[in-house]
Amino acid sequence: MAQAFVNSKIQPGKVVVFIIPTCPYCRRAQELLSKLSFKQELSEFVDITAHGDTYDIQDYLQQLTGARTVPRVFIGKECIGGCRDLVNTHEKGELLTRLKQIRALQ
Protein backbone atom coordinates (compact mmCIF):
# COMPACT_ATOMS: atom_id res chain seq x y z
CA MET A 1 0.00 0.00 0.00
CA ALA A 2 2.79 2.46 0.90
CA GLN A 3 4.61 1.64 -2.33
CA ALA A 4 1.53 2.28 -4.45
CA PHE A 5 0.82 5.52 -2.57
CA VAL A 6 4.35 6.90 -3.03
CA ASN A 7 4.55 5.81 -6.66
CA SER A 8 1.21 7.47 -7.40
CA LYS A 9 2.58 10.81 -6.19
CA ILE A 10 5.89 10.75 -8.08
CA GLN A 11 5.24 11.83 -11.65
CA PRO A 12 7.24 13.24 -14.55
CA GLY A 13 6.95 17.01 -14.73
CA LYS A 14 5.93 17.39 -11.09
CA VAL A 15 7.73 18.35 -7.89
CA VAL A 16 6.73 16.26 -4.88
CA VAL A 17 8.04 16.63 -1.37
CA PHE A 18 7.24 14.02 1.27
CA ILE A 19 7.07 15.77 4.64
CA ILE A 20 6.18 15.55 8.30
CA PRO A 21 4.68 18.96 9.23
CA THR A 22 6.49 19.27 12.58
CA CYS A 23 9.91 18.69 11.00
CA PRO A 24 11.96 21.91 10.76
CA TYR A 25 13.79 20.64 7.67
CA CYS A 26 10.47 19.95 5.97
CA ARG A 27 9.27 23.46 6.79
CA ARG A 28 12.51 24.91 5.37
CA ALA A 29 12.05 22.95 2.12
CA GLN A 30 8.43 24.12 1.92
CA GLU A 31 9.48 27.75 2.47
CA LEU A 32 12.08 27.59 -0.28
CA LEU A 33 9.80 25.93 -2.83
CA SER A 34 6.80 28.09 -1.91
CA LYS A 35 8.68 31.15 -3.16
CA LEU A 36 8.66 29.74 -6.70
CA SER A 37 5.85 30.11 -9.22
CA PHE A 38 4.80 26.58 -10.08
CA LYS A 39 2.18 25.82 -12.67
CA GLN A 40 -1.05 24.72 -11.05
CA GLU A 41 -0.94 21.17 -9.68
CA LEU A 42 2.75 20.66 -10.55
CA SER A 43 4.00 20.84 -6.99
CA GLU A 44 2.77 18.94 -3.97
CA PHE A 45 3.74 18.58 -0.33
CA VAL A 46 2.66 15.17 0.90
CA ASP A 47 2.14 14.88 4.67
CA ILE A 48 3.04 11.27 5.36
CA THR A 49 1.58 11.46 8.88
CA ALA A 50 -1.88 11.91 7.39
CA HIS A 51 -1.81 8.23 6.44
CA GLY A 52 -1.95 5.27 8.79
CA ASP A 53 1.19 3.76 7.31
CA THR A 54 3.78 6.49 8.00
CA TYR A 55 6.53 4.02 8.88
CA ASP A 56 5.81 1.90 5.82
CA ILE A 57 6.03 5.01 3.65
CA GLN A 58 9.38 5.89 5.21
CA ASP A 59 10.59 2.33 4.72
CA TYR A 60 9.65 2.46 1.05
CA LEU A 61 11.26 5.89 0.64
CA GLN A 62 14.44 4.33 2.05
CA GLN A 63 14.27 1.52 -0.51
CA LEU A 64 13.66 4.05 -3.26
CA THR A 65 16.13 6.78 -2.28
CA GLY A 66 18.55 5.32 0.26
CA ALA A 67 17.17 7.45 3.12
CA ARG A 68 14.00 7.27 5.17
CA THR A 69 14.29 10.78 6.56
CA VAL A 70 12.07 13.61 5.42
CA PRO A 71 11.81 15.73 3.49
CA ARG A 72 12.37 13.61 0.38
CA VAL A 73 12.31 15.93 -2.61
CA PHE A 74 11.46 14.60 -6.06
CA ILE A 75 11.84 16.60 -9.24
CA GLY A 76 10.00 14.51 -11.74
CA LYS A 77 10.93 10.87 -11.11
CA GLU A 78 14.32 11.77 -9.60
CA CYS A 79 14.90 12.20 -5.88
CA ILE A 80 17.37 15.01 -5.29
CA GLY A 81 17.53 14.22 -1.56
CA GLY A 82 16.48 16.13 1.50
CA CYS A 83 16.46 19.73 2.66
CA ARG A 84 20.23 20.24 2.55
CA ASP A 85 20.34 18.82 -0.98
CA LEU A 86 17.49 21.09 -2.05
CA VAL A 87 19.17 24.18 -0.58
CA ASN A 88 22.53 23.26 -2.16
CA THR A 89 20.89 22.70 -5.55
CA HIS A 90 19.20 26.09 -5.23
CA GLU A 91 22.38 27.89 -4.13
CA LYS A 92 24.32 26.43 -7.08
CA GLY A 93 21.66 27.84 -9.41
CA GLU A 94 20.66 24.35 -10.57
CA LEU A 95 17.18 24.20 -9.05
CA LEU A 96 15.54 26.66 -11.44
CA THR A 97 17.25 24.98 -14.37
CA ARG A 98 15.89 21.58 -13.36
CA LEU A 99 12.40 22.96 -12.77
CA LYS A 100 12.44 24.65 -16.18
CA GLN A 101 13.57 21.40 -17.81
CA ILE A 102 10.46 19.60 -16.53
CA ARG A 103 8.31 22.66 -17.33
CA ALA A 104 7.00 22.96 -13.79
CA LEU A 105 7.31 26.75 -13.53
CA GLN A 106 4.97 29.41 -14.87
PDB file of N, CA and C in Angstrom:
ATOM      1  N   MET A   1       0.814  -1.202   0.000  1.00  0.00           N
ATOM      2  CA  MET A   1       0.000   0.000   0.000  1.00  0.00           C
ATOM      3  C   MET A   1       0.855   1.262   0.000  1.00  0.00           C
ATOM      4  N   ALA A   2       1.908   1.301   0.847  1.00  0.00           N
ATOM      5  CA  ALA A   2       2.794   2.457   0.902  1.00  0.00           C
ATOM      6  C   ALA A   2       3.496   2.655  -0.432  1.00  0.00           C
ATOM      7  N   GLN A   3       3.927   1.567  -1.043  1.00  0.00           N
ATOM      8  CA  GLN A   3       4.615   1.641  -2.331  1.00  0.00           C
ATOM      9  C   GLN A   3       3.702   2.232  -3.397  1.00  0.00           C
ATOM     10  N   ALA A   4       2.487   1.765  -3.464  1.00  0.00           N
ATOM     11  CA  ALA A   4       1.533   2.280  -4.453  1.00  0.00           C
ATOM     12  C   ALA A   4       1.237   3.754  -4.196  1.00  0.00           C
ATOM     13  N   PHE A   5       1.102   4.126  -2.926  1.00  0.00           N
ATOM     14  CA  PHE A   5       0.819   5.516  -2.573  1.00  0.00           C
ATOM     15  C   PHE A   5       1.958   6.425  -3.026  1.00  0.00           C
ATOM     16  N   VAL A   6       3.189   6.080  -2.661  1.00  0.00           N
ATOM     17  CA  VAL A   6       4.353   6.902  -3.029  1.00  0.00           C
ATOM     18  C   VAL A   6       4.483   6.975  -4.543  1.00  0.00           C
ATOM     19  N   ASN A   7       4.396   5.830  -5.200  1.00  0.00           N
ATOM     20  CA  ASN A   7       4.554   5.810  -6.656  1.00  0.00           C
ATOM     21  C   ASN A   7       3.470   6.616  -7.369  1.00  0.00           C
ATOM     22  N   SER A   8       2.286   6.689  -6.780  1.00  0.00           N
ATOM     23  CA  SER A   8       1.211   7.471  -7.399  1.00  0.00           C
ATOM     24  C   SER A   8       1.477   8.972  -7.319  1.00  0.00           C
ATOM     25  N   LYS A   9       2.273   9.380  -6.361  1.00  0.00           N
ATOM     26  CA  LYS A   9       2.577  10.807  -6.186  1.00  0.00           C
ATOM     27  C   LYS A   9       3.724  11.274  -7.075  1.00  0.00           C
ATOM     28  N   ILE A  10       4.701  10.396  -7.301  1.00  0.00           N
ATOM     29  CA  ILE A  10       5.889  10.755  -8.079  1.00  0.00           C
ATOM     30  C   ILE A  10       5.553  10.650  -9.558  1.00  0.00           C
ATOM     31  N   GLN A  11       5.626  11.802 -10.241  1.00  0.00           N
ATOM     32  CA  GLN A  11       5.243  11.833 -11.652  1.00  0.00           C
ATOM     33  C   GLN A  11       6.211  12.708 -12.443  1.00  0.00           C
ATOM     34  N   PRO A  12       6.414  12.373 -13.715  1.00  0.00           N
ATOM     35  CA  PRO A  12       7.244  13.243 -14.555  1.00  0.00           C
ATOM     36  C   PRO A  12       6.617  14.638 -14.615  1.00  0.00           C
ATOM     37  N   GLY A  13       7.453  15.652 -14.591  1.00  0.00           N
ATOM     38  CA  GLY A  13       6.949  17.011 -14.730  1.00  0.00           C
ATOM     39  C   GLY A  13       6.385  17.617 -13.457  1.00  0.00           C
ATOM     40  N   LYS A  14       6.517  16.916 -12.350  1.00  0.00           N
ATOM     41  CA  LYS A  14       5.935  17.389 -11.091  1.00  0.00           C
ATOM     42  C   LYS A  14       6.996  17.383  -9.990  1.00  0.00           C
ATOM     43  N   VAL A  15       6.869  18.316  -9.065  1.00  0.00           N
ATOM     44  CA  VAL A  15       7.731  18.351  -7.887  1.00  0.00           C
ATOM     45  C   VAL A  15       6.906  17.867  -6.706  1.00  0.00           C
ATOM     46  N   VAL A  16       7.421  16.841  -6.028  1.00  0.00           N
ATOM     47  CA  VAL A  16       6.726  16.260  -4.884  1.00  0.00           C
ATOM     48  C   VAL A  16       7.696  16.200  -3.724  1.00  0.00           C
ATOM     49  N   VAL A  17       7.226  16.657  -2.569  1.00  0.00           N
ATOM     50  CA  VAL A  17       8.043  16.629  -1.366  1.00  0.00           C
ATOM     51  C   VAL A  17       7.270  15.880  -0.291  1.00  0.00           C
ATOM     52  N   PHE A  18       7.837  14.785   0.187  1.00  0.00           N
ATOM     53  CA  PHE A  18       7.236  14.022   1.271  1.00  0.00           C
ATOM     54  C   PHE A  18       7.715  14.639   2.574  1.00  0.00           C
ATOM     55  N   ILE A  19       6.747  15.000   3.432  1.00  0.00           N
ATOM     56  CA  ILE A  19       7.065  15.766   4.643  1.00  0.00           C
ATOM     57  C   ILE A  19       6.370  15.202   5.873  1.00  0.00           C
ATOM     58  N   ILE A  20       6.865  15.655   7.013  1.00  0.00           N
ATOM     59  CA  ILE A  20       6.179  15.552   8.298  1.00  0.00           C
ATOM     60  C   ILE A  20       6.071  17.006   8.771  1.00  0.00           C
ATOM     61  N   PRO A  21       4.869  17.531   8.968  1.00  0.00           N
ATOM     62  CA  PRO A  21       4.680  18.962   9.229  1.00  0.00           C
ATOM     63  C   PRO A  21       5.476  19.536  10.403  1.00  0.00           C
ATOM     64  N   THR A  22       5.763  18.753  11.420  1.00  0.00           N
ATOM     65  CA  THR A  22       6.486  19.269  12.577  1.00  0.00           C
ATOM     66  C   THR A  22       7.998  19.291  12.379  1.00  0.00           C
ATOM     67  N   CYS A  23       8.478  18.758  11.274  1.00  0.00           N
ATOM     68  CA  CYS A  23       9.913  18.687  11.000  1.00  0.00           C
ATOM     69  C   CYS A  23      10.428  20.041  10.511  1.00  0.00           C
ATOM     70  N   PRO A  24      11.439  20.609  11.186  1.00  0.00           N
ATOM     71  CA  PRO A  24      11.959  21.915  10.759  1.00  0.00           C
ATOM     72  C   PRO A  24      12.605  21.876   9.373  1.00  0.00           C
ATOM     73  N   TYR A  25      13.188  20.759   8.996  1.00  0.00           N
ATOM     74  CA  TYR A  25      13.789  20.636   7.670  1.00  0.00           C
ATOM     75  C   TYR A  25      12.709  20.604   6.585  1.00  0.00           C
ATOM     76  N   CYS A  26      11.603  19.977   6.907  1.00  0.00           N
ATOM     77  CA  CYS A  26      10.466  19.954   5.970  1.00  0.00           C
ATOM     78  C   CYS A  26       9.910  21.358   5.787  1.00  0.00           C
ATOM     79  N   ARG A  27       9.784  22.088   6.885  1.00  0.00           N
ATOM     80  CA  ARG A  27       9.273  23.461   6.791  1.00  0.00           C
ATOM     81  C   ARG A  27      10.218  24.331   5.973  1.00  0.00           C
ATOM     82  N   ARG A  28      11.511  24.136   6.142  1.00  0.00           N
ATOM     83  CA  ARG A  28      12.507  24.906   5.372  1.00  0.00           C
ATOM     84  C   ARG A  28      12.377  24.602   3.880  1.00  0.00           C
ATOM     85  N   ALA A  29      12.222  23.333   3.529  1.00  0.00           N
ATOM     86  CA  ALA A  29      12.050  22.947   2.124  1.00  0.00           C
ATOM     87  C   ALA A  29      10.769  23.558   1.563  1.00  0.00           C
ATOM     88  N   GLN A  30       9.699  23.531   2.350  1.00  0.00           N
ATOM     89  CA  GLN A  30       8.432  24.121   1.918  1.00  0.00           C
ATOM     90  C   GLN A  30       8.583  25.622   1.690  1.00  0.00           C
ATOM     91  N   GLU A  31       9.275  26.303   2.602  1.00  0.00           N
ATOM     92  CA  GLU A  31       9.480  27.746   2.468  1.00  0.00           C
ATOM     93  C   GLU A  31      10.221  28.072   1.179  1.00  0.00           C
ATOM     94  N   LEU A  32      11.289  27.335   0.912  1.00  0.00           N
ATOM     95  CA  LEU A  32      12.084  27.592  -0.284  1.00  0.00           C
ATOM     96  C   LEU A  32      11.251  27.369  -1.540  1.00  0.00           C
ATOM     97  N   LEU A  33      10.576  26.247  -1.626  1.00  0.00           N
ATOM     98  CA  LEU A  33       9.802  25.932  -2.830  1.00  0.00           C
ATOM     99  C   LEU A  33       8.557  26.804  -2.971  1.00  0.00           C
ATOM    100  N   SER A  34       8.003  27.253  -1.860  1.00  0.00           N
ATOM    101  CA  SER A  34       6.798  28.086  -1.910  1.00  0.00           C
ATOM    102  C   SER A  34       7.063  29.468  -2.506  1.00  0.00           C
ATOM    103  N   LYS A  35       8.316  29.856  -2.579  1.00  0.00           N
ATOM    104  CA  LYS A  35       8.678  31.149  -3.164  1.00  0.00           C
ATOM    105  C   LYS A  35       8.701  31.102  -4.692  1.00  0.00           C
ATOM    106  N   LEU A  36       8.600  29.907  -5.255  1.00  0.00           N
ATOM    107  CA  LEU A  36       8.665  29.742  -6.700  1.00  0.00           C
ATOM    108  C   LEU A  36       7.261  29.691  -7.290  1.00  0.00           C
ATOM    109  N   SER A  37       7.153  30.079  -8.538  1.00  0.00           N
ATOM    110  CA  SER A  37       5.853  30.111  -9.220  1.00  0.00           C
ATOM    111  C   SER A  37       5.654  28.837 -10.038  1.00  0.00           C
ATOM    112  N   PHE A  38       5.068  27.842  -9.400  1.00  0.00           N
ATOM    113  CA  PHE A  38       4.797  26.582 -10.082  1.00  0.00           C
ATOM    114  C   PHE A  38       3.500  26.690 -10.861  1.00  0.00           C
ATOM    115  N   LYS A  39       3.436  25.964 -11.970  1.00  0.00           N
ATOM    116  CA  LYS A  39       2.177  25.819 -12.671  1.00  0.00           C
ATOM    117  C   LYS A  39       1.223  25.062 -11.755  1.00  0.00           C
ATOM    118  N   GLN A  40      -0.041  25.328 -11.902  1.00  0.00           N
ATOM    119  CA  GLN A  40      -1.054  24.715 -11.051  1.00  0.00           C
ATOM    120  C   GLN A  40      -0.921  23.185 -11.072  1.00  0.00           C
ATOM    121  N   GLU A  41      -0.958  22.616  -9.907  1.00  0.00           N
ATOM    122  CA  GLU A  41      -0.936  21.169  -9.683  1.00  0.00           C
ATOM    123  C   GLU A  41       0.382  20.499 -10.062  1.00  0.00           C
ATOM    124  N   LEU A  42       1.470  21.267 -10.239  1.00  0.00           N
ATOM    125  CA  LEU A  42       2.751  20.657 -10.553  1.00  0.00           C
ATOM    126  C   LEU A  42       3.717  20.670  -9.384  1.00  0.00           C
ATOM    127  N   SER A  43       3.212  21.003  -8.212  1.00  0.00           N
ATOM    128  CA  SER A  43       4.000  20.837  -6.991  1.00  0.00           C
ATOM    129  C   SER A  43       3.054  20.357  -5.897  1.00  0.00           C
ATOM    130  N   GLU A  44       3.599  19.500  -5.034  1.00  0.00           N
ATOM    131  CA  GLU A  44       2.771  18.945  -3.970  1.00  0.00           C
ATOM    132  C   GLU A  44       3.642  18.619  -2.758  1.00  0.00           C
ATOM    133  N   PHE A  45       3.129  18.966  -1.595  1.00  0.00           N
ATOM    134  CA  PHE A  45       3.740  18.577  -0.333  1.00  0.00           C
ATOM    135  C   PHE A  45       2.858  17.497   0.256  1.00  0.00           C
ATOM    136  N   VAL A  46       3.426  16.325   0.449  1.00  0.00           N
ATOM    137  CA  VAL A  46       2.661  15.173   0.899  1.00  0.00           C
ATOM    138  C   VAL A  46       2.983  14.909   2.370  1.00  0.00           C
ATOM    139  N   ASP A  47       2.003  15.128   3.232  1.00  0.00           N
ATOM    140  CA  ASP A  47       2.139  14.881   4.669  1.00  0.00           C
ATOM    141  C   ASP A  47       1.990  13.378   4.911  1.00  0.00           C
ATOM    142  N   ILE A  48       3.107  12.721   5.194  1.00  0.00           N
ATOM    143  CA  ILE A  48       3.043  11.270   5.365  1.00  0.00           C
ATOM    144  C   ILE A  48       2.416  10.851   6.693  1.00  0.00           C
ATOM    145  N   THR A  49       2.237  11.795   7.608  1.00  0.00           N
ATOM    146  CA  THR A  49       1.582  11.459   8.880  1.00  0.00           C
ATOM    147  C   THR A  49       0.063  11.431   8.738  1.00  0.00           C
ATOM    148  N   ALA A  50      -0.436  11.907   7.616  1.00  0.00           N
ATOM    149  CA  ALA A  50      -1.885  11.913   7.389  1.00  0.00           C
ATOM    150  C   ALA A  50      -2.385  10.532   6.971  1.00  0.00           C
ATOM    151  N   HIS A  51      -1.471   9.594   6.855  1.00  0.00           N
ATOM    152  CA  HIS A  51      -1.807   8.235   6.440  1.00  0.00           C
ATOM    153  C   HIS A  51      -1.457   7.283   7.583  1.00  0.00           C
ATOM    154  N   GLY A  52      -2.179   6.219   7.702  1.00  0.00           N
ATOM    155  CA  GLY A  52      -1.954   5.270   8.793  1.00  0.00           C
ATOM    156  C   GLY A  52      -0.678   4.467   8.667  1.00  0.00           C
ATOM    157  N   ASP A  53       0.003   4.575   7.531  1.00  0.00           N
ATOM    158  CA  ASP A  53       1.194   3.757   7.309  1.00  0.00           C
ATOM    159  C   ASP A  53       2.458   4.601   7.161  1.00  0.00           C
ATOM    160  N   THR A  54       2.632   5.577   8.048  1.00  0.00           N
ATOM    161  CA  THR A  54       3.777   6.491   7.996  1.00  0.00           C
ATOM    162  C   THR A  54       5.097   5.743   7.945  1.00  0.00           C
ATOM    163  N   TYR A  55       5.266   4.756   8.827  1.00  0.00           N
ATOM    164  CA  TYR A  55       6.527   4.024   8.882  1.00  0.00           C
ATOM    165  C   TYR A  55       6.751   3.200   7.619  1.00  0.00           C
ATOM    166  N   ASP A  56       5.689   2.649   7.076  1.00  0.00           N
ATOM    167  CA  ASP A  56       5.805   1.897   5.824  1.00  0.00           C
ATOM    168  C   ASP A  56       6.205   2.821   4.677  1.00  0.00           C
ATOM    169  N   ILE A  57       5.661   4.030   4.677  1.00  0.00           N
ATOM    170  CA  ILE A  57       6.030   5.015   3.647  1.00  0.00           C
ATOM    171  C   ILE A  57       7.505   5.356   3.777  1.00  0.00           C
ATOM    172  N   GLN A  58       7.966   5.589   5.010  1.00  0.00           N
ATOM    173  CA  GLN A  58       9.376   5.894   5.214  1.00  0.00           C
ATOM    174  C   GLN A  58      10.260   4.720   4.814  1.00  0.00           C
ATOM    175  N   ASP A  59       9.825   3.511   5.122  1.00  0.00           N
ATOM    176  CA  ASP A  59      10.592   2.327   4.721  1.00  0.00           C
ATOM    177  C   ASP A  59      10.701   2.244   3.205  1.00  0.00           C
ATOM    178  N   TYR A  60       9.605   2.516   2.510  1.00  0.00           N
ATOM    179  CA  TYR A  60       9.646   2.463   1.052  1.00  0.00           C
ATOM    180  C   TYR A  60      10.496   3.605   0.487  1.00  0.00           C
ATOM    181  N   LEU A  61      10.407   4.785   1.079  1.00  0.00           N
ATOM    182  CA  LEU A  61      11.264   5.889   0.636  1.00  0.00           C
ATOM    183  C   LEU A  61      12.736   5.521   0.791  1.00  0.00           C
ATOM    184  N   GLN A  62      13.054   4.782   1.858  1.00  0.00           N
ATOM    185  CA  GLN A  62      14.439   4.335   2.047  1.00  0.00           C
ATOM    186  C   GLN A  62      14.845   3.371   0.937  1.00  0.00           C
ATOM    187  N   GLN A  63      13.976   2.445   0.592  1.00  0.00           N
ATOM    188  CA  GLN A  63      14.273   1.523  -0.512  1.00  0.00           C
ATOM    189  C   GLN A  63      14.478   2.285  -1.815  1.00  0.00           C
ATOM    190  N   LEU A  64      13.663   3.291  -2.014  1.00  0.00           N
ATOM    191  CA  LEU A  64      13.661   4.047  -3.263  1.00  0.00           C
ATOM    192  C   LEU A  64      14.837   5.022  -3.366  1.00  0.00           C
ATOM    193  N   THR A  65      15.174   5.666  -2.237  1.00  0.00           N
ATOM    194  CA  THR A  65      16.131   6.777  -2.282  1.00  0.00           C
ATOM    195  C   THR A  65      17.399   6.564  -1.457  1.00  0.00           C
ATOM    196  N   GLY A  66      17.399   5.548  -0.606  1.00  0.00           N
ATOM    197  CA  GLY A  66      18.551   5.324   0.256  1.00  0.00           C
ATOM    198  C   GLY A  66      18.446   6.019   1.607  1.00  0.00           C
ATOM    199  N   ALA A  67      17.363   6.766   1.835  1.00  0.00           N
ATOM    200  CA  ALA A  67      17.166   7.455   3.116  1.00  0.00           C
ATOM    201  C   ALA A  67      15.686   7.444   3.465  1.00  0.00           C
ATOM    202  N   ARG A  68      15.398   7.272   4.753  1.00  0.00           N
ATOM    203  CA  ARG A  68      13.998   7.269   5.172  1.00  0.00           C
ATOM    204  C   ARG A  68      13.606   8.581   5.841  1.00  0.00           C
ATOM    205  N   THR A  69      14.566   9.493   5.937  1.00  0.00           N
ATOM    206  CA  THR A  69      14.294  10.779   6.560  1.00  0.00           C
ATOM    207  C   THR A  69      13.486  11.663   5.620  1.00  0.00           C
ATOM    208  N   VAL A  70      12.820  12.626   6.204  1.00  0.00           N
ATOM    209  CA  VAL A  70      12.071  13.607   5.422  1.00  0.00           C
ATOM    210  C   VAL A  70      12.689  14.970   5.672  1.00  0.00           C
ATOM    211  N   PRO A  71      12.542  15.870   4.731  1.00  0.00           N
ATOM    212  CA  PRO A  71      11.807  15.729   3.493  1.00  0.00           C
ATOM    213  C   PRO A  71      12.570  14.864   2.487  1.00  0.00           C
ATOM    214  N   ARG A  72      11.832  14.291   1.578  1.00  0.00           N
ATOM    215  CA  ARG A  72      12.371  13.610   0.382  1.00  0.00           C
ATOM    216  C   ARG A  72      11.813  14.397  -0.780  1.00  0.00           C
ATOM    217  N   VAL A  73      12.697  15.012  -1.544  1.00  0.00           N
ATOM    218  CA  VAL A  73      12.310  15.934  -2.614  1.00  0.00           C
ATOM    219  C   VAL A  73      12.503  15.253  -3.966  1.00  0.00           C
ATOM    220  N   PHE A  74      11.418  15.174  -4.728  1.00  0.00           N
ATOM    221  CA  PHE A  74      11.461  14.596  -6.065  1.00  0.00           C
ATOM    222  C   PHE A  74      11.189  15.677  -7.094  1.00  0.00           C
ATOM    223  N   ILE A  75      12.065  15.749  -8.073  1.00  0.00           N
ATOM    224  CA  ILE A  75      11.842  16.596  -9.236  1.00  0.00           C
ATOM    225  C   ILE A  75      11.612  15.630 -10.388  1.00  0.00           C
ATOM    226  N   GLY A  76      10.365  15.557 -10.799  1.00  0.00           N
ATOM    227  CA  GLY A  76      10.000  14.508 -11.741  1.00  0.00           C
ATOM    228  C   GLY A  76      10.139  13.173 -11.039  1.00  0.00           C
ATOM    229  N   LYS A  77      10.750  12.212 -11.680  1.00  0.00           N
ATOM    230  CA  LYS A  77      10.926  10.871 -11.112  1.00  0.00           C
ATOM    231  C   LYS A  77      12.222  10.748 -10.306  1.00  0.00           C
ATOM    232  N   GLU A  78      13.016  11.822 -10.261  1.00  0.00           N
ATOM    233  CA  GLU A  78      14.320  11.771  -9.605  1.00  0.00           C
ATOM    234  C   GLU A  78      14.272  12.395  -8.209  1.00  0.00           C
ATOM    235  N   CYS A  79      14.775  11.654  -7.235  1.00  0.00           N
ATOM    236  CA  CYS A  79      14.899  12.199  -5.885  1.00  0.00           C
ATOM    237  C   CYS A  79      16.215  12.954  -5.796  1.00  0.00           C
ATOM    238  N   ILE A  80      16.131  14.236  -5.438  1.00  0.00           N
ATOM    239  CA  ILE A  80      17.369  15.006  -5.290  1.00  0.00           C
ATOM    240  C   ILE A  80      17.879  14.947  -3.855  1.00  0.00           C
ATOM    241  N   GLY A  81      17.094  14.368  -2.943  1.00  0.00           N
ATOM    242  CA  GLY A  81      17.530  14.215  -1.563  1.00  0.00           C
ATOM    243  C   GLY A  81      16.610  14.917  -0.593  1.00  0.00           C
ATOM    244  N   GLY A  82      17.231  15.464   0.446  1.00  0.00           N
ATOM    245  CA  GLY A  82      16.481  16.129   1.500  1.00  0.00           C
ATOM    246  C   GLY A  82      16.644  17.635   1.448  1.00  0.00           C
ATOM    247  N   CYS A  83      16.427  18.270   2.584  1.00  0.00           N
ATOM    248  CA  CYS A  83      16.458  19.732   2.665  1.00  0.00           C
ATOM    249  C   CYS A  83      17.826  20.289   2.278  1.00  0.00           C
ATOM    250  N   ARG A  84      18.876  19.736   2.845  1.00  0.00           N
ATOM    251  CA  ARG A  84      20.226  20.238   2.551  1.00  0.00           C
ATOM    252  C   ARG A  84      20.522  20.121   1.054  1.00  0.00           C
ATOM    253  N   ASP A  85      20.116  19.009   0.455  1.00  0.00           N
ATOM    254  CA  ASP A  85      20.344  18.818  -0.976  1.00  0.00           C
ATOM    255  C   ASP A  85      19.548  19.833  -1.794  1.00  0.00           C
ATOM    256  N   LEU A  86      18.318  20.102  -1.376  1.00  0.00           N
ATOM    257  CA  LEU A  86      17.487  21.095  -2.054  1.00  0.00           C
ATOM    258  C   LEU A  86      18.120  22.474  -1.962  1.00  0.00           C
ATOM    259  N   VAL A  87      18.548  22.864  -0.778  1.00  0.00           N
ATOM    260  CA  VAL A  87      19.174  24.177  -0.579  1.00  0.00           C
ATOM    261  C   VAL A  87      20.457  24.279  -1.403  1.00  0.00           C
ATOM    262  N   ASN A  88      21.284  23.235  -1.380  1.00  0.00           N
ATOM    263  CA  ASN A  88      22.528  23.257  -2.157  1.00  0.00           C
ATOM    264  C   ASN A  88      22.260  23.371  -3.652  1.00  0.00           C
ATOM    265  N   THR A  89      21.260  22.641  -4.133  1.00  0.00           N
ATOM    266  CA  THR A  89      20.891  22.702  -5.547  1.00  0.00           C
ATOM    267  C   THR A  89      20.430  24.109  -5.902  1.00  0.00           C
ATOM    268  N   HIS A  90      19.678  24.718  -5.008  1.00  0.00           N
ATOM    269  CA  HIS A  90      19.204  26.091  -5.229  1.00  0.00           C
ATOM    270  C   HIS A  90      20.375  27.075  -5.225  1.00  0.00           C
ATOM    271  N   GLU A  91      21.261  26.956  -4.245  1.00  0.00           N
ATOM    272  CA  GLU A  91      22.384  27.886  -4.134  1.00  0.00           C
ATOM    273  C   GLU A  91      23.348  27.776  -5.311  1.00  0.00           C
ATOM    274  N   LYS A  92      23.462  26.615  -5.901  1.00  0.00           N
ATOM    275  CA  LYS A  92      24.319  26.428  -7.081  1.00  0.00           C
ATOM    276  C   LYS A  92      23.659  26.958  -8.358  1.00  0.00           C
ATOM    277  N   GLY A  93      22.383  27.350  -8.252  1.00  0.00           N
ATOM    278  CA  GLY A  93      21.660  27.838  -9.414  1.00  0.00           C
ATOM    279  C   GLY A  93      21.097  26.728 -10.284  1.00  0.00           C
ATOM    280  N   GLU A  94      21.115  25.500  -9.781  1.00  0.00           N
ATOM    281  CA  GLU A  94      20.661  24.355 -10.573  1.00  0.00           C
ATOM    282  C   GLU A  94      19.170  24.065 -10.404  1.00  0.00           C
ATOM    283  N   LEU A  95      18.575  24.529  -9.318  1.00  0.00           N
ATOM    284  CA  LEU A  95      17.178  24.205  -9.049  1.00  0.00           C
ATOM    285  C   LEU A  95      16.261  24.768 -10.128  1.00  0.00           C
ATOM    286  N   LEU A  96      16.395  26.044 -10.418  1.00  0.00           N
ATOM    287  CA  LEU A  96      15.537  26.661 -11.435  1.00  0.00           C
ATOM    288  C   LEU A  96      15.733  26.004 -12.796  1.00  0.00           C
ATOM    289  N   THR A  97      16.966  25.653 -13.104  1.00  0.00           N
ATOM    290  CA  THR A  97      17.247  24.981 -14.373  1.00  0.00           C
ATOM    291  C   THR A  97      16.502  23.652 -14.449  1.00  0.00           C
ATOM    292  N   ARG A  98      16.566  22.877 -13.376  1.00  0.00           N
ATOM    293  CA  ARG A  98      15.890  21.578 -13.356  1.00  0.00           C
ATOM    294  C   ARG A  98      14.375  21.740 -13.442  1.00  0.00           C
ATOM    295  N   LEU A  99      13.855  22.733 -12.743  1.00  0.00           N
ATOM    296  CA  LEU A  99      12.405  22.962 -12.771  1.00  0.00           C
ATOM    297  C   LEU A  99      11.950  23.426 -14.150  1.00  0.00           C
ATOM    298  N   LYS A 100      12.763  24.220 -14.818  1.00  0.00           N
ATOM    299  CA  LYS A 100      12.437  24.653 -16.183  1.00  0.00           C
ATOM    300  C   LYS A 100      12.498  23.471 -17.154  1.00  0.00           C
ATOM    301  N   GLN A 101      13.435  22.566 -16.924  1.00  0.00           N
ATOM    302  CA  GLN A 101      13.572  21.399 -17.806  1.00  0.00           C
ATOM    303  C   GLN A 101      12.302  20.530 -17.774  1.00  0.00           C
ATOM    304  N   ILE A 102      11.683  20.427 -16.616  1.00  0.00           N
ATOM    305  CA  ILE A 102      10.458  19.597 -16.527  1.00  0.00           C
ATOM    306  C   ILE A 102       9.202  20.456 -16.735  1.00  0.00           C
ATOM    307  N   ARG A 103       9.402  21.716 -17.045  1.00  0.00           N
ATOM    308  CA  ARG A 103       8.305  22.660 -17.334  1.00  0.00           C
ATOM    309  C   ARG A 103       7.311  22.787 -16.181  1.00  0.00           C
ATOM    310  N   ALA A 104       7.857  22.858 -14.965  1.00  0.00           N
ATOM    311  CA  ALA A 104       6.996  22.964 -13.785  1.00  0.00           C
ATOM    312  C   ALA A 104       6.696  24.410 -13.387  1.00  0.00           C
ATOM    313  N   LEU A 105       7.476  25.338 -13.919  1.00  0.00           N
ATOM    314  CA  LEU A 105       7.306  26.745 -13.531  1.00  0.00           C
ATOM    315  C   LEU A 105       6.443  27.501 -14.530  1.00  0.00           C
ATOM    316  N   GLN A 106       5.791  28.545 -13.994  1.00  0.00           N
ATOM    317  CA  GLN A 106       4.970  29.412 -14.866  1.00  0.00           C
ATOM    318  C   GLN A 106       5.864  30.298 -15.701  1.00  0.00           C
TER     319      GLN A 106
END
